[in-house]
């Protein structure tokens, strides 16, 4: 039987995933635990050592699923992680696979796709939703420094605020980081996107559809 840990801060999503897996007619899955925060996901993974973990990307403004995955993979390189999110997949798709995810799913995927992803992950095989596979292919052959494809989730959040005209202090207060941390993230954003001035950030955000003109 494949043991699964489910980490999501929305109880309905957690309950739905549990129901899908535990109602499998072939009785292949056992949900051994659930977590409502990224930190709890790391703690429970270390205790339960499930075969597969379903990990949400965003847990409010606290640590993200990306943070949790990095912590888990640093201690257990063979961990089988599946990311699940309601966010547009472009904002984290590349990063998810780069840190070793077995699959990236959207929360409106079908029951069968969830089951297939868990089965593939448990077997050590990556699983790709057809639409996301196409998106990955387009990213791989393109050269557009689109922030949705280039930035990780936290960077993308800061980028969005910068594009709307927020300053570092305002962003720090909104997302619970220090102004220095926001400044460092902003510097990384500018280097990744090859922009220097606030006006360039705003123009790029408009071109890439992050904000409206």
C-alpha atoms as a PDB file:
ATOM      1  CA  UNK A   1       0.000   0.000   0.000  1.00  0.00           C
ATOM      2  CA  UNK A   2       1.267   3.493  -0.903  1.00  0.00           C
ATOM      3  CA  UNK A   3       1.392   5.807   2.111  1.00  0.00           C
ATOM      4  CA  UNK A   4       0.572   9.476   1.488  1.00  0.00           C
ATOM      5  CA  UNK A   5       0.915  12.697   3.492  1.00  0.00           C
ATOM      6  CA  UNK A   6      -1.351  15.576   2.410  1.00  0.00           C
ATOM      7  CA  UNK A   7      -0.376  19.164   3.265  1.00  0.00           C
ATOM      8  CA  UNK A   8      -2.840  21.954   2.479  1.00  0.00           C
ATOM      9  CA  UNK A   9      -4.273  24.850   4.467  1.00  0.00           C
ATOM     10  CA  UNK A  10      -7.754  24.397   2.997  1.00  0.00           C
ATOM     11  CA  UNK A  11      -9.632  21.605   4.841  1.00  0.00           C
ATOM     12  CA  UNK A  12     -11.975  20.975   1.922  1.00  0.00           C
ATOM     13  CA  UNK A  13      -9.037  20.338  -0.415  1.00  0.00           C
ATOM     14  CA  UNK A  14      -7.430  18.025   2.123  1.00  0.00           C
ATOM     15  CA  UNK A  15     -10.676  16.130   2.700  1.00  0.00           C
ATOM     16  CA  UNK A  16     -11.284  15.841  -1.022  1.00  0.00           C
ATOM     17  CA  UNK A  17      -7.816  14.411  -1.672  1.00  0.00           C
ATOM     18  CA  UNK A  18      -8.192  11.958   1.207  1.00  0.00           C
ATOM     19  CA  UNK A  19     -11.555  10.835  -0.148  1.00  0.00           C
ATOM     20  CA  UNK A  20     -10.244  10.327  -3.674  1.00  0.00           C
ATOM     21  CA  UNK A  21      -7.283   8.250  -2.581  1.00  0.00           C
ATOM     22  CA  UNK A  22      -9.012   6.196   0.085  1.00  0.00           C
ATOM     23  CA  UNK A  23     -11.969   5.390  -2.164  1.00  0.00           C
ATOM     24  CA  UNK A  24      -9.656   3.813  -4.738  1.00  0.00           C
ATOM     25  CA  UNK A  25     -11.302   0.524  -5.699  1.00  0.00           C
ATOM     26  CA  UNK A  26      -7.996  -1.325  -5.657  1.00  0.00           C
ATOM     27  CA  UNK A  27      -7.174  -0.067  -2.134  1.00  0.00           C
ATOM     28  CA  UNK A  28      -3.680   1.062  -3.150  1.00  0.00           C
ATOM     29  CA  UNK A  29      -3.386   4.142  -0.914  1.00  0.00           C
ATOM     30  CA  UNK A  30      -3.314   4.956   2.785  1.00  0.00           C
ATOM     31  CA  UNK A  31      -3.319   8.584   3.912  1.00  0.00           C
ATOM     32  CA  UNK A  32      -1.106   8.464   7.012  1.00  0.00           C
ATOM     33  CA  UNK A  33      -1.312  12.128   7.951  1.00  0.00           C
ATOM     34  CA  UNK A  34      -2.356  15.646   7.058  1.00  0.00           C
ATOM     35  CA  UNK A  35      -0.757  19.055   7.673  1.00  0.00           C
ATOM     36  CA  UNK A  36      -2.121  22.591   7.490  1.00  0.00           C
ATOM     37  CA  UNK A  37       1.192  24.513   7.374  1.00  0.00           C
ATOM     38  CA  UNK A  38       4.485  24.135   5.545  1.00  0.00           C
ATOM     39  CA  UNK A  39       6.383  23.702   8.815  1.00  0.00           C
ATOM     40  CA  UNK A  40       3.961  21.015   9.969  1.00  0.00           C
ATOM     41  CA  UNK A  41       4.404  19.242   6.652  1.00  0.00           C
ATOM     42  CA  UNK A  42       8.157  19.039   7.201  1.00  0.00           C
ATOM     43  CA  UNK A  43       7.744  17.802  10.778  1.00  0.00           C
ATOM     44  CA  UNK A  44       5.178  15.161   9.842  1.00  0.00           C
ATOM     45  CA  UNK A  45       7.191  14.004   6.853  1.00  0.00           C
ATOM     46  CA  UNK A  46      10.210  13.393   9.071  1.00  0.00           C
ATOM     47  CA  UNK A  47       8.042  11.464  11.551  1.00  0.00           C
ATOM     48  CA  UNK A  48       5.823   9.499   9.161  1.00  0.00           C
ATOM     49  CA  UNK A  49       8.184   9.029   6.184  1.00  0.00           C
ATOM     50  CA  UNK A  50       5.339   8.563   3.671  1.00  0.00           C
ATOM     51  CA  UNK A  51       5.938   7.174   0.205  1.00  0.00           C
ATOM     52  CA  UNK A  52       4.483  10.343  -1.360  1.00  0.00           C
ATOM     53  CA  UNK A  53       3.634  13.817  -0.074  1.00  0.00           C
ATOM     54  CA  UNK A  54       1.018  16.059  -1.703  1.00  0.00           C
ATOM     55  CA  UNK A  55       2.205  19.573  -0.958  1.00  0.00           C
ATOM     56  CA  UNK A  56       0.311  22.817  -1.463  1.00  0.00           C
ATOM     57  CA  UNK A  57       2.353  25.758  -2.754  1.00  0.00           C
ATOM     58  CA  UNK A  58       0.911  28.630  -0.739  1.00  0.00           C
ATOM     59  CA  UNK A  59       0.191  28.640   2.988  1.00  0.00           C
ATOM     60  CA  UNK A  60      -0.865  32.266   3.533  1.00  0.00           C
ATOM     61  CA  UNK A  61       2.203  34.482   3.851  1.00  0.00           C
ATOM     62  CA  UNK A  62       4.150  32.024   6.008  1.00  0.00           C
ATOM     63  CA  UNK A  63       6.638  29.523   4.634  1.00  0.00           C
ATOM     64  CA  UNK A  64       5.556  28.103   1.300  1.00  0.00           C
ATOM     65  CA  UNK A  65       5.337  24.597  -0.029  1.00  0.00           C
ATOM     66  CA  UNK A  66       8.523  25.362  -1.949  1.00  0.00           C
ATOM     67  CA  UNK A  67      10.272  26.071   1.380  1.00  0.00           C
ATOM     68  CA  UNK A  68       8.922  22.829   2.823  1.00  0.00           C
ATOM     69  CA  UNK A  69      10.018  20.826  -0.209  1.00  0.00           C
ATOM     70  CA  UNK A  70      13.539  22.220  -0.024  1.00  0.00           C
ATOM     71  CA  UNK A  71      13.734  21.297   3.673  1.00  0.00           C
ATOM     72  CA  UNK A  72      12.402  17.806   3.025  1.00  0.00           C
ATOM     73  CA  UNK A  73      14.646  17.158   0.023  1.00  0.00           C
ATOM     74  CA  UNK A  74      17.734  18.383   1.902  1.00  0.00           C
ATOM     75  CA  UNK A  75      17.154  15.749   4.592  1.00  0.00           C
ATOM     76  CA  UNK A  76      15.619  13.068   2.383  1.00  0.00           C
ATOM     77  CA  UNK A  77      16.865  13.411  -1.228  1.00  0.00           C
ATOM     78  CA  UNK A  78      14.691  10.508  -2.368  1.00  0.00           C
ATOM     79  CA  UNK A  79      11.458  12.091  -1.088  1.00  0.00           C
ATOM     80  CA  UNK A  80       8.608  11.820  -3.596  1.00  0.00           C
ATOM     81  CA  UNK A  81       6.916  15.240  -3.706  1.00  0.00           C
ATOM     82  CA  UNK A  82       3.858  16.282  -5.706  1.00  0.00           C
ATOM     83  CA  UNK A  83       2.982  19.970  -5.735  1.00  0.00           C
ATOM     84  CA  UNK A  84      -0.688  20.926  -5.897  1.00  0.00           C
ATOM     85  CA  UNK A  85      -1.867  24.522  -6.248  1.00  0.00           C
ATOM     86  CA  UNK A  86      -4.688  26.808  -7.307  1.00  0.00           C
ATOM     87  CA  UNK A  87      -2.167  29.355  -8.584  1.00  0.00           C
ATOM     88  CA  UNK A  88      -1.454  29.782 -12.285  1.00  0.00           C
ATOM     89  CA  UNK A  89       1.089  27.007 -12.847  1.00  0.00           C
ATOM     90  CA  UNK A  90       3.477  29.296 -14.730  1.00  0.00           C
ATOM     91  CA  UNK A  91       4.474  31.021 -11.475  1.00  0.00           C
ATOM     92  CA  UNK A  92       6.051  27.907 -10.015  1.00  0.00           C
ATOM     93  CA  UNK A  93       6.083  25.208 -12.665  1.00  0.00           C
ATOM     94  CA  UNK A  94       9.788  25.323 -13.505  1.00  0.00           C
ATOM     95  CA  UNK A  95      10.900  25.725  -9.915  1.00  0.00           C
ATOM     96  CA  UNK A  96       8.766  22.826  -8.775  1.00  0.00           C
ATOM     97  CA  UNK A  97      10.393  20.415 -11.185  1.00  0.00           C
ATOM     98  CA  UNK A  98      13.853  21.889 -10.663  1.00  0.00           C
ATOM     99  CA  UNK A  99      13.823  21.058  -6.971  1.00  0.00           C
ATOM    100  CA  UNK A 100      12.875  17.492  -7.757  1.00  0.00           C
ATOM    101  CA  UNK A 101       9.086  17.315  -7.770  1.00  0.00           C
ATOM    102  CA  UNK A 102       7.606  14.167  -9.246  1.00  0.00           C
ATOM    103  CA  UNK A 103       4.564  16.103 -10.471  1.00  0.00           C
ATOM    104  CA  UNK A 104       2.910  19.518 -10.431  1.00  0.00           C
ATOM    105  CA  UNK A 105      -0.879  19.409 -10.346  1.00  0.00           C
ATOM    106  CA  UNK A 106      -3.582  22.053 -10.353  1.00  0.00           C
ATOM    107  CA  UNK A 107      -6.397  21.660  -7.848  1.00  0.00           C
ATOM    108  CA  UNK A 108      -9.023  21.208 -10.548  1.00  0.00           C
ATOM    109  CA  UNK A 109      -7.283  18.177 -12.003  1.00  0.00           C
ATOM    110  CA  UNK A 110      -9.387  15.041 -12.335  1.00  0.00           C
ATOM    111  CA  UNK A 111      -9.551  12.300  -9.715  1.00  0.00           C
ATOM    112  CA  UNK A 112      -7.801   9.946 -12.114  1.00  0.00           C
ATOM    113  CA  UNK A 113      -4.987  12.429 -12.741  1.00  0.00           C
ATOM    114  CA  UNK A 114      -4.370  12.693  -9.000  1.00  0.00           C
ATOM    115  CA  UNK A 115      -4.295   8.906  -8.682  1.00  0.00           C
ATOM    116  CA  UNK A 116      -2.009   8.530 -11.709  1.00  0.00           C
ATOM    117  CA  UNK A 117       0.370  11.171 -10.322  1.00  0.00           C
ATOM    118  CA  UNK A 118       0.637   9.415  -6.957  1.00  0.00           C
ATOM    119  CA  UNK A 119       1.177   6.044  -8.620  1.00  0.00           C
ATOM    120  CA  UNK A 120       3.889   7.477 -10.876  1.00  0.00           C
ATOM    121  CA  UNK A 121       5.614   9.272  -7.993  1.00  0.00           C
ATOM    122  CA  UNK A 122       5.642   6.148  -5.826  1.00  0.00           C
ATOM    123  CA  UNK A 123       7.302   4.300  -8.703  1.00  0.00           C
ATOM    124  CA  UNK A 124       9.944   7.018  -9.021  1.00  0.00           C
ATOM    125  CA  UNK A 125       8.567   8.354 -12.289  1.00  0.00           C
ATOM    126  CA  UNK A 126       7.687  11.974 -13.035  1.00  0.00           C
ATOM    127  CA  UNK A 127       4.130  12.753 -14.083  1.00  0.00           C
ATOM    128  CA  UNK A 128       3.095  15.655 -16.311  1.00  0.00           C
ATOM    129  CA  UNK A 129      -0.387  16.982 -16.905  1.00  0.00           C
ATOM    130  CA  UNK A 130      -0.714  17.350 -20.694  1.00  0.00           C
ATOM    131  CA  UNK A 131      -1.286  21.118 -20.600  1.00  0.00           C
ATOM    132  CA  UNK A 132       1.632  21.660 -18.230  1.00  0.00           C
ATOM    133  CA  UNK A 133       3.900  19.491 -20.347  1.00  0.00           C
ATOM    134  CA  UNK A 134       3.091  21.728 -23.295  1.00  0.00           C
ATOM    135  CA  UNK A 135       3.797  24.807 -21.171  1.00  0.00           C
ATOM    136  CA  UNK A 136       7.169  23.392 -20.128  1.00  0.00           C
ATOM    137  CA  UNK A 137       8.052  22.727 -23.746  1.00  0.00           C
ATOM    138  CA  UNK A 138       7.166  26.291 -24.730  1.00  0.00           C
ATOM    139  CA  UNK A 139       9.262  27.690 -21.881  1.00  0.00           C
ATOM    140  CA  UNK A 140      12.230  25.508 -22.812  1.00  0.00           C
ATOM    141  CA  UNK A 141      12.374  26.774 -26.387  1.00  0.00           C
ATOM    142  CA  UNK A 142      11.560  30.396 -25.619  1.00  0.00           C
ATOM    143  CA  UNK A 143      13.742  33.289 -24.442  1.00  0.00           C
ATOM    144  CA  UNK A 144      11.103  35.609 -23.007  1.00  0.00           C
ATOM    145  CA  UNK A 145      12.102  36.705 -19.467  1.00  0.00           C
ATOM    146  CA  UNK A 146       8.479  36.492 -18.405  1.00  0.00           C
ATOM    147  CA  UNK A 147       8.313  36.899 -14.610  1.00  0.00           C
ATOM    148  CA  UNK A 148       5.704  34.144 -14.403  1.00  0.00           C
ATOM    149  CA  UNK A 149       8.265  31.683 -15.767  1.00  0.00           C
ATOM    150  CA  UNK A 150      11.451  33.129 -14.298  1.00  0.00           C
ATOM    151  CA  UNK A 151      10.648  33.978 -10.671  1.00  0.00           C
ATOM    152  CA  UNK A 152       9.817  31.737  -7.754  1.00  0.00           C
ATOM    153  CA  UNK A 153       6.570  32.316  -5.871  1.00  0.00           C
ATOM    154  CA  UNK A 154       7.894  34.772  -3.286  1.00  0.00           C
ATOM    155  CA  UNK A 155       9.814  36.736  -5.919  1.00  0.00           C
ATOM    156  CA  UNK A 156       6.736  36.859  -8.117  1.00  0.00           C
ATOM    157  CA  UNK A 157       4.655  38.224  -5.248  1.00  0.00           C
ATOM    158  CA  UNK A 158       7.211  40.966  -4.572  1.00  0.00           C
ATOM    159  CA  UNK A 159       7.485  41.693  -8.301  1.00  0.00           C
ATOM    160  CA  UNK A 160       3.716  42.142  -8.540  1.00  0.00           C
ATOM    161  CA  UNK A 161       3.729  44.643  -5.678  1.00  0.00           C
ATOM    162  CA  UNK A 162       6.673  46.543  -7.128  1.00  0.00           C
ATOM    163  CA  UNK A 163       4.906  46.740 -10.474  1.00  0.00           C
ATOM    164  CA  UNK A 164       1.888  48.277  -8.732  1.00  0.00           C
ATOM    165  CA  UNK A 165       4.097  50.953  -7.189  1.00  0.00           C
ATOM    166  CA  UNK A 166       4.534  49.602  -3.662  1.00  0.00           C
ATOM    167  CA  UNK A 167       7.774  50.417  -1.839  1.00  0.00           C
ATOM    168  CA  UNK A 168       9.897  47.942   0.141  1.00  0.00           C
ATOM    169  CA  UNK A 169       8.467  48.961   3.514  1.00  0.00           C
ATOM    170  CA  UNK A 170       4.884  48.525   2.315  1.00  0.00           C
ATOM    171  CA  UNK A 171       5.633  45.133   0.779  1.00  0.00           C
ATOM    172  CA  UNK A 172       7.462  43.999   3.924  1.00  0.00           C
ATOM    173  CA  UNK A 173       4.492  44.898   6.112  1.00  0.00           C
ATOM    174  CA  UNK A 174       2.057  43.170   3.755  1.00  0.00           C
ATOM    175  CA  UNK A 175       3.842  39.819   3.418  1.00  0.00           C
ATOM    176  CA  UNK A 176       5.555  39.600   6.810  1.00  0.00           C
ATOM    177  CA  UNK A 177       9.190  40.033   5.831  1.00  0.00           C
ATOM    178  CA  UNK A 178      11.775  42.600   6.891  1.00  0.00           C
ATOM    179  CA  UNK A 179      12.434  45.570   4.566  1.00  0.00           C
ATOM    180  CA  UNK A 180      15.988  44.272   4.136  1.00  0.00           C
ATOM    181  CA  UNK A 181      14.690  40.892   2.969  1.00  0.00           C
ATOM    182  CA  UNK A 182      12.365  42.591   0.495  1.00  0.00           C
ATOM    183  CA  UNK A 183      15.259  44.716  -0.749  1.00  0.00           C
ATOM    184  CA  UNK A 184      17.371  41.594  -1.304  1.00  0.00           C
ATOM    185  CA  UNK A 185      14.525  39.869  -3.118  1.00  0.00           C
ATOM    186  CA  UNK A 186      14.035  42.967  -5.273  1.00  0.00           C
ATOM    187  CA  UNK A 187      17.704  42.900  -6.212  1.00  0.00           C
ATOM    188  CA  UNK A 188      17.436  39.249  -7.253  1.00  0.00           C
ATOM    189  CA  UNK A 189      14.323  40.051  -9.286  1.00  0.00           C
ATOM    190  CA  UNK A 190      16.066  42.821 -11.185  1.00  0.00           C
ATOM    191  CA  UNK A 191      19.029  40.584 -11.970  1.00  0.00           C
ATOM    192  CA  UNK A 192      16.843  37.716 -13.181  1.00  0.00           C
ATOM    193  CA  UNK A 193      14.631  39.924 -15.333  1.00  0.00           C
ATOM    194  CA  UNK A 194      17.401  42.276 -16.523  1.00  0.00           C
ATOM    195  CA  UNK A 195      15.574  45.405 -15.375  1.00  0.00           C
ATOM    196  CA  UNK A 196      16.881  48.321 -13.323  1.00  0.00           C
ATOM    197  CA  UNK A 197      14.266  51.035 -12.827  1.00  0.00           C
ATOM    198  CA  UNK A 198      10.716  50.885 -11.403  1.00  0.00           C
ATOM    199  CA  UNK A 199       9.287  51.979 -14.745  1.00  0.00           C
ATOM    200  CA  UNK A 200      10.909  48.991 -16.452  1.00  0.00           C
ATOM    201  CA  UNK A 201       9.365  46.651 -13.879  1.00  0.00           C
ATOM    202  CA  UNK A 202       5.927  48.145 -14.509  1.00  0.00           C
ATOM    203  CA  UNK A 203       6.277  47.911 -18.288  1.00  0.00           C
ATOM    204  CA  UNK A 204       7.399  44.298 -18.084  1.00  0.00           C
ATOM    205  CA  UNK A 205       4.502  43.471 -15.771  1.00  0.00           C
ATOM    206  CA  UNK A 206       2.044  44.968 -18.256  1.00  0.00           C
ATOM    207  CA  UNK A 207       3.598  43.160 -21.245  1.00  0.00           C
ATOM    208  CA  UNK A 208       3.481  39.833 -19.448  1.00  0.00           C
ATOM    209  CA  UNK A 209      -0.076  40.307 -18.213  1.00  0.00           C
ATOM    210  CA  UNK A 210       0.740  40.525 -14.497  1.00  0.00           C
ATOM    211  CA  UNK A 211      -1.020  43.881 -14.172  1.00  0.00           C
ATOM    212  CA  UNK A 212      -3.258  45.880 -16.467  1.00  0.00           C
ATOM    213  CA  UNK A 213      -2.180  49.128 -18.071  1.00  0.00           C
END
